[in-house]
Protein backbone atom coordinates (compact mmCIF):
# COMPACT_ATOMS: atom_id res chain seq x y z
CA MET A 1 -12.45 89.26 55.72
CA ASP A 2 -13.52 92.46 53.59
CA PHE A 3 -15.28 90.72 50.25
CA GLU A 4 -15.14 94.05 48.42
CA LYS A 5 -11.58 94.58 48.50
CA PHE A 6 -10.87 90.62 48.28
CA LEU A 7 -13.37 91.02 44.44
CA GLU A 8 -11.23 94.17 43.91
CA SER A 9 -7.96 92.33 43.92
CA SER A 10 -6.62 94.73 46.34
CA ASP A 11 -6.57 92.42 49.34
CA THR A 12 -6.22 88.75 50.22
CA ASP A 13 -8.72 86.48 51.72
CA HIS A 14 -8.73 84.92 55.14
CA GLN A 15 -5.94 82.63 53.97
CA GLY A 16 -3.71 85.36 52.23
CA ARG A 17 -4.82 84.22 48.49
CA SER A 18 -5.38 86.82 46.38
CA LEU A 19 -8.04 86.86 43.40
CA ASN A 20 -5.04 86.52 40.94
CA ASP A 21 -3.57 84.09 43.04
CA ILE A 22 -6.87 81.76 42.76
CA TRP A 23 -7.10 82.65 39.33
CA ALA A 24 -3.52 81.10 38.69
CA TYR A 25 -4.82 77.55 40.08
CA SER A 26 -4.21 74.54 37.95
CA ASP A 27 -7.24 72.33 37.20
CA PHE A 28 -6.13 70.10 39.83
CA GLN A 29 -6.15 73.03 42.20
CA ILE A 30 -9.53 73.92 40.83
CA GLU A 31 -10.98 70.44 41.35
CA TYR A 32 -9.84 70.01 44.92
CA THR A 33 -9.75 73.15 46.35
CA HIS A 34 -12.65 73.35 48.35
CA ASN A 35 -12.68 76.90 50.07
CA PHE A 36 -12.21 79.52 47.45
CA ILE A 37 -15.64 79.12 45.84
CA GLN A 38 -17.28 80.86 48.24
CA LEU A 39 -15.24 83.78 48.07
CA ILE A 40 -14.67 84.50 44.45
CA PHE A 41 -18.76 83.80 43.93
CA PRO A 42 -20.23 85.20 47.19
CA LEU A 43 -24.02 85.11 48.26
CA ASP A 44 -25.82 87.21 51.19
CA LYS A 45 -26.67 83.98 53.13
CA PRO A 46 -25.08 81.19 54.72
CA SER A 47 -24.24 77.86 53.06
CA ARG A 48 -24.41 74.29 54.79
CA ASN A 49 -21.16 73.78 52.10
CA ASN A 50 -19.19 76.80 53.19
CA PHE A 51 -16.93 75.60 55.84
CA ASN A 52 -15.44 79.36 56.67
CA GLY A 53 -18.86 80.50 57.02
CA LEU A 54 -17.89 83.79 54.94
CA TYR A 55 -20.96 85.44 53.29
CA LEU A 56 -22.11 88.84 52.66
CA ASP A 57 -24.02 89.47 55.47
CA ASP A 58 -24.68 93.15 55.80
CA ASN A 59 -26.72 94.97 53.34
CA THR A 60 -23.47 97.78 53.26
CA THR A 61 -21.04 95.48 51.36
CA LEU A 62 -23.50 94.07 49.35
CA GLU A 63 -24.20 97.63 47.86
CA ARG A 64 -20.34 99.12 47.73
CA ILE A 65 -20.05 95.55 45.52
CA LYS A 66 -22.44 96.27 43.45
CA ALA A 67 -21.33 99.94 43.11
CA ASN A 68 -17.98 99.02 42.45
CA GLU A 69 -17.29 98.45 38.56
CA LEU A 70 -13.58 96.37 39.38
CA ALA A 71 -15.20 94.33 41.61
CA GLN A 72 -17.85 93.38 39.46
CA GLU A 73 -15.76 92.85 36.00
CA ASN A 74 -13.32 90.33 38.83
CA VAL A 75 -16.99 88.57 39.49
CA ILE A 76 -17.62 88.02 35.70
CA ARG A 77 -14.37 87.23 35.21
CA SER A 78 -13.83 84.57 37.80
CA SER A 79 -16.90 83.26 35.97
CA GLU A 80 -15.35 83.03 32.76
CA TRP A 81 -11.92 81.63 34.65
CA PHE A 82 -14.30 78.92 35.94
CA LEU A 83 -16.41 78.11 32.78
CA GLY A 84 -12.54 77.67 31.10
CA PHE A 85 -12.18 74.87 33.88
CA LEU A 86 -15.73 73.46 33.21
CA ALA A 87 -15.18 73.39 29.29
CA ARG A 88 -11.72 71.94 29.82
CA ASN A 89 -13.26 68.52 31.95
CA ASP A 90 -15.94 66.82 31.99
CA GLN A 91 -16.43 65.13 35.48
CA TRP A 92 -18.95 67.64 36.57
CA LYS A 93 -21.30 66.08 34.00
CA ALA A 94 -22.25 63.34 35.81
CA ARG A 95 -25.49 62.74 37.32
CA TYR A 96 -23.86 64.34 40.89
CA ASN A 97 -20.82 66.20 41.15
CA HIS A 98 -19.88 69.37 43.87
CA ASN A 99 -19.04 71.36 41.00
CA GLN A 100 -22.85 71.39 40.35
CA LEU A 101 -23.27 73.23 43.84
CA ARG A 102 -20.35 75.37 42.57
CA ILE A 103 -22.29 76.03 38.93
CA THR A 104 -25.56 77.05 41.11
CA ARG A 105 -23.42 79.33 43.53
CA MET A 106 -21.63 81.03 40.62
CA ILE A 107 -25.17 81.87 38.89
CA GLU A 108 -26.52 83.26 41.91
CA SER A 109 -23.37 85.10 42.79
CA LEU A 110 -23.67 87.07 39.21
CA ARG A 111 -27.01 87.75 39.64
CA LEU A 112 -26.76 88.84 43.33
CA LEU A 113 -23.63 90.98 42.55
CA VAL A 114 -23.51 92.01 38.77
CA SER A 115 -26.79 91.66 36.80
CA ASP A 116 -29.65 89.40 36.01
CA ASP A 117 -28.33 89.68 31.93
CA GLN A 118 -25.10 88.38 33.09
CA ALA A 119 -26.51 85.61 34.90
CA GLU A 120 -28.63 84.25 32.20
CA HIS A 121 -25.69 84.37 30.34
CA CYS A 122 -23.32 82.24 32.51
CA LYS A 123 -26.39 80.20 33.09
CA SER A 124 -26.98 79.68 28.96
CA ILE A 125 -23.07 78.75 28.50
CA ILE A 126 -23.75 76.20 31.15
CA PHE A 127 -26.63 74.57 29.08
CA ARG A 128 -24.42 74.81 26.27
CA MET A 129 -22.09 72.52 27.45
CA VAL A 130 -24.75 70.34 29.28
CA GLY A 131 -26.15 69.61 25.82
CA ASP A 132 -29.36 67.23 25.53
CA LYS A 133 -27.88 64.08 26.42
CA SER A 134 -26.73 64.65 30.06
CA SER A 135 -26.33 62.54 32.85
CA ILE A 136 -27.02 65.28 35.45
CA ASN A 137 -29.91 64.88 37.48
CA ASP A 138 -33.02 66.87 36.97
CA ASP A 139 -32.69 68.39 40.42
CA THR A 140 -29.47 70.06 39.94
CA LEU A 141 -30.67 71.12 36.31
CA GLY A 142 -33.80 72.36 38.20
CA PHE A 143 -31.42 74.44 40.64
CA TRP A 144 -29.36 76.06 37.91
CA GLU A 145 -32.63 76.54 35.66
CA ASN A 146 -34.28 78.81 39.03
CA ALA A 147 -31.04 80.07 40.20
């Protein structure tokens, strides 16, 4: 899969989905589809939660994405889309929830592909959503803080 072309929305993923197809997901699809988050928020390391095994495994692709304004804009747009899902739903604010891993990935991907400022901006929105009286476990909060 060509991550740069996918993030530009000029190609599909390994399942034939475009970025626009994923952005059109309902909240139900976002919650229960587990094979898109690694594609819209790619990282440069494998993950035990990444069932398709796709990640940015070479520096050339990583550098091309970092130099590609459209790909970066779409990573930001994906973060805004996912933050909208989180704002409409509260299940992720539990002690443990799979969306908490997705949040960590989103922050890390923004930092890797876009900028520290964009990652920090996203992180601040997450912490505002969580508020002071959170039941989210301390380990997860630490992962977000250090992402």
